Amino acid sequence: MATSAAPGSARLTLVLGGARSGKSRYAESLITALPAPWIYVATAEACDTEMAERIAAHQARRGAGWRTLETPRDVVGALAAHGTTPLLVDCLTLWLSNALLAGANVEAEIERLEAVLTKAAAPLVLVANEVGFGIVPDNALGRRFRDLQGQLNQRIAARADRVVLVVAGVPLTIKGSP
């Protein structure tokens, strides 16, 4: 994996990638290049054994220095409450899925997220899946989710100082300075 970029050069970084691409590990390296403490906003829920194992692996990899906030739905609240500490949100894809499945007004949720991002003072790193490279889902809910994720990624990328696509563990800077 390439070394991380200087996090001070970007207030807001969006890290995109496919499943198991190395995007979380890269995002963590951006935050840990800053002085601790660091906040990890986790949007995953351990609804089965396999997901619990994935979450445990992420936690073990992070180690000391991280404070974890488990917020499957209230990313906006987590961002608003911790304005001066470097913060990593992993991931917007699960946050969006959680909101969609809960029947939330997704457009309003995205607008709330965008509003809090404009007020953030500390460096932020947001992780999201790039779902547009895959197959077209065979059902309406899957297609709606894919479309909403693509729109969310575009909106956050437009606000971000830096956008990085991670492919096979290699970070490719597509916007801003590496």
C-alpha atoms as a PDB file:
ATOM      1  CA  MET A   1       0.000   0.000   0.000  1.00  0.00           C
ATOM      2  CA  ALA A   2       1.257   3.459  -0.809  1.00  0.00           C
ATOM      3  CA  THR A   3       1.986   5.786   2.065  1.00  0.00           C
ATOM      4  CA  SER A   4      -0.776   8.104   3.131  1.00  0.00           C
ATOM      5  CA  ALA A   5      -1.091  11.667   1.945  1.00  0.00           C
ATOM      6  CA  ALA A   6      -0.563  14.597   4.255  1.00  0.00           C
ATOM      7  CA  PRO A   7      -3.982  14.849   5.888  1.00  0.00           C
ATOM      8  CA  GLY A   8      -3.507  18.528   6.720  1.00  0.00           C
ATOM      9  CA  SER A   9      -3.699  19.303   3.013  1.00  0.00           C
ATOM     10  CA  ALA A  10      -7.406  18.401   2.870  1.00  0.00           C
ATOM     11  CA  ARG A  11     -10.185  19.267   5.285  1.00  0.00           C
ATOM     12  CA  LEU A  12     -12.579  16.773   3.682  1.00  0.00           C
ATOM     13  CA  THR A  13     -11.422  13.591   1.966  1.00  0.00           C
ATOM     14  CA  LEU A  14     -13.711  11.066   0.289  1.00  0.00           C
ATOM     15  CA  VAL A  15     -12.223   7.579  -0.063  1.00  0.00           C
ATOM     16  CA  LEU A  16     -14.050   5.377  -2.574  1.00  0.00           C
ATOM     17  CA  GLY A  17     -13.512   1.785  -3.589  1.00  0.00           C
ATOM     18  CA  GLY A  18     -15.085  -1.577  -4.132  1.00  0.00           C
ATOM     19  CA  ALA A  19     -15.610  -4.264  -1.535  1.00  0.00           C
ATOM     20  CA  ARG A  20     -12.318  -5.424   0.031  1.00  0.00           C
ATOM     21  CA  SER A  21     -10.362  -2.823  -1.975  1.00  0.00           C
ATOM     22  CA  GLY A  22      -8.367  -1.508   0.999  1.00  0.00           C
ATOM     23  CA  LYS A  23     -10.333   1.736   1.298  1.00  0.00           C
ATOM     24  CA  SER A  24     -10.864   1.510   5.082  1.00  0.00           C
ATOM     25  CA  ARG A  25      -7.213   0.776   5.793  1.00  0.00           C
ATOM     26  CA  TYR A  26      -6.155   3.699   3.586  1.00  0.00           C
ATOM     27  CA  ALA A  27      -8.688   6.026   5.234  1.00  0.00           C
ATOM     28  CA  GLU A  28      -7.397   5.005   8.668  1.00  0.00           C
ATOM     29  CA  SER A  29      -3.842   5.845   7.584  1.00  0.00           C
ATOM     30  CA  LEU A  30      -4.924   9.374   6.686  1.00  0.00           C
ATOM     31  CA  ILE A  31      -6.367   9.960  10.152  1.00  0.00           C
ATOM     32  CA  THR A  32      -3.542   8.290  12.098  1.00  0.00           C
ATOM     33  CA  ALA A  33      -1.040  10.565  10.354  1.00  0.00           C
ATOM     34  CA  LEU A  34      -2.562  13.282  12.578  1.00  0.00           C
ATOM     35  CA  PRO A  35      -2.047  13.553  16.344  1.00  0.00           C
ATOM     36  CA  ALA A  36      -4.418  11.398  18.437  1.00  0.00           C
ATOM     37  CA  PRO A  37      -7.145  11.179  19.562  1.00  0.00           C
ATOM     38  CA  TRP A  38      -9.077  10.012  16.526  1.00  0.00           C
ATOM     39  CA  ILE A  39     -12.761   9.211  16.218  1.00  0.00           C
ATOM     40  CA  TYR A  40     -14.067   6.310  14.148  1.00  0.00           C
ATOM     41  CA  VAL A  41     -17.760   6.649  13.284  1.00  0.00           C
ATOM     42  CA  ALA A  42     -18.914   3.099  12.557  1.00  0.00           C
ATOM     43  CA  THR A  43     -22.138   2.660  10.622  1.00  0.00           C
ATOM     44  CA  ALA A  44     -22.149  -1.147  10.453  1.00  0.00           C
ATOM     45  CA  GLU A  45     -24.413  -3.283  12.592  1.00  0.00           C
ATOM     46  CA  ALA A  46     -23.535  -6.831  13.620  1.00  0.00           C
ATOM     47  CA  CYS A  47     -26.748  -8.492  12.491  1.00  0.00           C
ATOM     48  CA  ASP A  48     -25.073 -11.877  11.971  1.00  0.00           C
ATOM     49  CA  THR A  49     -21.912 -13.750  12.930  1.00  0.00           C
ATOM     50  CA  GLU A  50     -20.038 -12.953   9.714  1.00  0.00           C
ATOM     51  CA  MET A  51     -20.627  -9.191  10.115  1.00  0.00           C
ATOM     52  CA  ALA A  52     -19.635  -9.369  13.781  1.00  0.00           C
ATOM     53  CA  GLU A  53     -16.347 -10.965  12.694  1.00  0.00           C
ATOM     54  CA  ARG A  54     -15.750  -8.204  10.119  1.00  0.00           C
ATOM     55  CA  ILE A  55     -16.382  -5.524  12.735  1.00  0.00           C
ATOM     56  CA  ALA A  56     -14.043  -7.251  15.204  1.00  0.00           C
ATOM     57  CA  ALA A  57     -11.283  -7.400  12.565  1.00  0.00           C
ATOM     58  CA  HIS A  58     -11.665  -3.664  11.884  1.00  0.00           C
ATOM     59  CA  GLN A  59     -11.521  -2.895  15.616  1.00  0.00           C
ATOM     60  CA  ALA A  60      -8.434  -5.051  16.154  1.00  0.00           C
ATOM     61  CA  ARG A  61      -6.639  -3.402  13.239  1.00  0.00           C
ATOM     62  CA  ARG A  62      -7.297   0.101  14.561  1.00  0.00           C
ATOM     63  CA  GLY A  63      -5.819  -0.500  18.004  1.00  0.00           C
ATOM     64  CA  ALA A  64      -5.251   2.160  20.659  1.00  0.00           C
ATOM     65  CA  GLY A  65      -5.840   5.840  20.085  1.00  0.00           C
ATOM     66  CA  TRP A  66      -9.226   5.416  18.436  1.00  0.00           C
ATOM     67  CA  ARG A  67     -12.571   6.236  20.012  1.00  0.00           C
ATOM     68  CA  THR A  68     -15.369   4.382  18.258  1.00  0.00           C
ATOM     69  CA  LEU A  69     -18.885   5.767  17.928  1.00  0.00           C
ATOM     70  CA  GLU A  70     -21.363   3.177  16.712  1.00  0.00           C
ATOM     71  CA  THR A  71     -23.877   5.251  14.792  1.00  0.00           C
ATOM     72  CA  PRO A  72     -25.689   3.258  12.122  1.00  0.00           C
ATOM     73  CA  ARG A  73     -28.019   6.185  11.381  1.00  0.00           C
ATOM     74  CA  ASP A  74     -26.868   9.375  13.177  1.00  0.00           C
ATOM     75  CA  VAL A  75     -23.666  10.263  11.338  1.00  0.00           C
ATOM     76  CA  VAL A  76     -24.772  13.899  11.305  1.00  0.00           C
ATOM     77  CA  GLY A  77     -25.030  13.955  15.101  1.00  0.00           C
ATOM     78  CA  ALA A  78     -21.587  12.383  15.469  1.00  0.00           C
ATOM     79  CA  LEU A  79     -20.044  14.938  13.117  1.00  0.00           C
ATOM     80  CA  ALA A  80     -21.760  17.858  14.812  1.00  0.00           C
ATOM     81  CA  ALA A  81     -20.696  16.760  18.302  1.00  0.00           C
ATOM     82  CA  HIS A  82     -16.982  16.339  17.558  1.00  0.00           C
ATOM     83  CA  GLY A  83     -15.920  19.419  15.643  1.00  0.00           C
ATOM     84  CA  THR A  84     -12.229  19.555  16.604  1.00  0.00           C
ATOM     85  CA  THR A  85     -11.108  15.902  16.574  1.00  0.00           C
ATOM     86  CA  PRO A  86     -10.031  14.166  13.342  1.00  0.00           C
ATOM     87  CA  LEU A  87     -12.876  11.903  12.363  1.00  0.00           C
ATOM     88  CA  LEU A  88     -13.342   8.935  10.039  1.00  0.00           C
ATOM     89  CA  VAL A  89     -16.799   7.816   8.890  1.00  0.00           C
ATOM     90  CA  ASP A  90     -16.808   4.206   7.715  1.00  0.00           C
ATOM     91  CA  CYS A  91     -18.955   3.999   5.761  1.00  0.00           C
ATOM     92  CA  LEU A  92     -21.482   6.176   3.972  1.00  0.00           C
ATOM     93  CA  THR A  93     -22.701   3.173   2.000  1.00  0.00           C
ATOM     94  CA  LEU A  94     -23.955   1.368   5.102  1.00  0.00           C
ATOM     95  CA  TRP A  95     -25.339   4.660   6.471  1.00  0.00           C
ATOM     96  CA  LEU A  96     -27.322   5.157   3.259  1.00  0.00           C
ATOM     97  CA  SER A  97     -28.519   1.551   3.288  1.00  0.00           C
ATOM     98  CA  ASN A  98     -29.605   1.872   6.920  1.00  0.00           C
ATOM     99  CA  ALA A  99     -31.542   5.074   6.147  1.00  0.00           C
ATOM    100  CA  LEU A 100     -33.175   3.582   3.068  1.00  0.00           C
ATOM    101  CA  LEU A 101     -34.247   0.399   4.856  1.00  0.00           C
ATOM    102  CA  ALA A 102     -35.598   2.442   7.794  1.00  0.00           C
ATOM    103  CA  GLY A 103     -37.864   4.347   5.407  1.00  0.00           C
ATOM    104  CA  ALA A 104     -36.139   7.665   6.084  1.00  0.00           C
ATOM    105  CA  ASN A 105     -36.374  10.634   3.750  1.00  0.00           C
ATOM    106  CA  VAL A 106     -33.014   9.951   2.098  1.00  0.00           C
ATOM    107  CA  GLU A 107     -32.833  13.318   0.331  1.00  0.00           C
ATOM    108  CA  ALA A 108     -33.362  15.135   3.642  1.00  0.00           C
ATOM    109  CA  GLU A 109     -30.722  12.938   5.328  1.00  0.00           C
ATOM    110  CA  ILE A 110     -28.185  13.729   2.601  1.00  0.00           C
ATOM    111  CA  GLU A 111     -28.963  17.442   2.873  1.00  0.00           C
ATOM    112  CA  ARG A 112     -28.398  17.283   6.649  1.00  0.00           C
ATOM    113  CA  LEU A 113     -25.069  15.537   6.040  1.00  0.00           C
ATOM    114  CA  GLU A 114     -24.004  18.167   3.509  1.00  0.00           C
ATOM    115  CA  ALA A 115     -24.929  20.963   5.927  1.00  0.00           C
ATOM    116  CA  VAL A 116     -22.840  19.541   8.773  1.00  0.00           C
ATOM    117  CA  LEU A 117     -19.888  18.939   6.433  1.00  0.00           C
ATOM    118  CA  THR A 118     -19.743  22.644   5.573  1.00  0.00           C
ATOM    119  CA  LYS A 119     -19.402  23.485   9.291  1.00  0.00           C
ATOM    120  CA  ALA A 120     -16.750  20.894  10.173  1.00  0.00           C
ATOM    121  CA  ALA A 121     -13.502  22.341  11.511  1.00  0.00           C
ATOM    122  CA  ALA A 122     -11.418  19.175  11.929  1.00  0.00           C
ATOM    123  CA  PRO A 123     -10.109  16.948   9.137  1.00  0.00           C
ATOM    124  CA  LEU A 124     -12.756  14.465   8.017  1.00  0.00           C
ATOM    125  CA  VAL A 125     -12.311  11.281   6.024  1.00  0.00           C
ATOM    126  CA  LEU A 126     -15.449   9.672   4.630  1.00  0.00           C
ATOM    127  CA  VAL A 127     -15.440   6.161   3.168  1.00  0.00           C
ATOM    128  CA  ALA A 128     -17.974   4.933   0.600  1.00  0.00           C
ATOM    129  CA  ASN A 129     -18.310   2.072  -1.837  1.00  0.00           C
ATOM    130  CA  GLU A 130     -18.196   2.718  -5.549  1.00  0.00           C
ATOM    131  CA  VAL A 131     -21.164   0.579  -6.518  1.00  0.00           C
ATOM    132  CA  GLY A 132     -21.541   1.734 -10.110  1.00  0.00           C
ATOM    133  CA  PHE A 133     -18.895  -0.653 -11.451  1.00  0.00           C
ATOM    134  CA  GLY A 134     -21.026  -3.723 -10.768  1.00  0.00           C
ATOM    135  CA  ILE A 135     -23.983  -5.378 -12.391  1.00  0.00           C
ATOM    136  CA  VAL A 136     -27.393  -3.740 -12.653  1.00  0.00           C
ATOM    137  CA  PRO A 137     -29.451  -5.036  -9.707  1.00  0.00           C
ATOM    138  CA  ASP A 138     -32.391  -7.235 -10.646  1.00  0.00           C
ATOM    139  CA  ASN A 139     -34.891  -5.529  -8.341  1.00  0.00           C
ATOM    140  CA  ALA A 140     -36.258  -2.027  -7.815  1.00  0.00           C
ATOM    141  CA  LEU A 141     -34.843  -1.605  -4.284  1.00  0.00           C
ATOM    142  CA  GLY A 142     -31.356  -2.612  -5.428  1.00  0.00           C
ATOM    143  CA  ARG A 143     -31.496  -0.228  -8.399  1.00  0.00           C
ATOM    144  CA  ARG A 144     -32.764   2.596  -6.192  1.00  0.00           C
ATOM    145  CA  PHE A 145     -29.961   2.007  -3.700  1.00  0.00           C
ATOM    146  CA  ARG A 146     -27.323   1.915  -6.455  1.00  0.00           C
ATOM    147  CA  ASP A 147     -28.650   5.165  -7.925  1.00  0.00           C
ATOM    148  CA  LEU A 148     -28.819   6.895  -4.522  1.00  0.00           C
ATOM    149  CA  GLN A 149     -25.270   5.767  -3.687  1.00  0.00           C
ATOM    150  CA  GLY A 150     -23.985   7.145  -6.973  1.00  0.00           C
ATOM    151  CA  GLN A 151     -25.739  10.467  -6.324  1.00  0.00           C
ATOM    152  CA  LEU A 152     -24.423  10.596  -2.738  1.00  0.00           C
ATOM    153  CA  ASN A 153     -20.863   9.904  -3.910  1.00  0.00           C
ATOM    154  CA  GLN A 154     -21.120  12.682  -6.508  1.00  0.00           C
ATOM    155  CA  ARG A 155     -22.465  15.183  -3.987  1.00  0.00           C
ATOM    156  CA  ILE A 156     -19.793  14.434  -1.386  1.00  0.00           C
ATOM    157  CA  ALA A 157     -17.044  14.404  -4.046  1.00  0.00           C
ATOM    158  CA  ALA A 158     -18.150  17.863  -5.192  1.00  0.00           C
ATOM    159  CA  ARG A 159     -17.653  19.162  -1.618  1.00  0.00           C
ATOM    160  CA  ALA A 160     -14.442  17.259  -0.916  1.00  0.00           C
ATOM    161  CA  ASP A 161     -10.991  18.787  -1.131  1.00  0.00           C
ATOM    162  CA  ARG A 162      -9.597  15.385  -2.053  1.00  0.00           C
ATOM    163  CA  VAL A 163     -11.160  12.241  -3.549  1.00  0.00           C
ATOM    164  CA  VAL A 164      -9.227   8.982  -3.605  1.00  0.00           C
ATOM    165  CA  LEU A 165     -10.260   5.784  -5.371  1.00  0.00           C
ATOM    166  CA  VAL A 166      -8.670   2.668  -3.861  1.00  0.00           C
ATOM    167  CA  VAL A 167      -8.247  -0.244  -6.261  1.00  0.00           C
ATOM    168  CA  ALA A 168      -6.551  -3.485  -5.156  1.00  0.00           C
ATOM    169  CA  GLY A 169      -5.042  -1.660  -2.173  1.00  0.00           C
ATOM    170  CA  VAL A 170      -3.596   1.123  -4.317  1.00  0.00           C
ATOM    171  CA  PRO A 171      -4.883   4.662  -3.672  1.00  0.00           C
ATOM    172  CA  LEU A 172      -5.449   6.714  -6.836  1.00  0.00           C
ATOM    173  CA  THR A 173      -6.025  10.425  -6.188  1.00  0.00           C
ATOM    174  CA  ILE A 174      -8.734  11.632  -8.564  1.00  0.00           C
ATOM    175  CA  LYS A 175      -9.287  15.078  -7.041  1.00  0.00           C
ATOM    176  CA  GLY A 176      -6.983  17.314  -5.016  1.00  0.00           C
ATOM    177  CA  SER A 177      -3.439  16.696  -3.866  1.00  0.00           C
ATOM    178  CA  PRO A 178      -2.222  13.216  -2.962  1.00  0.00           C
END
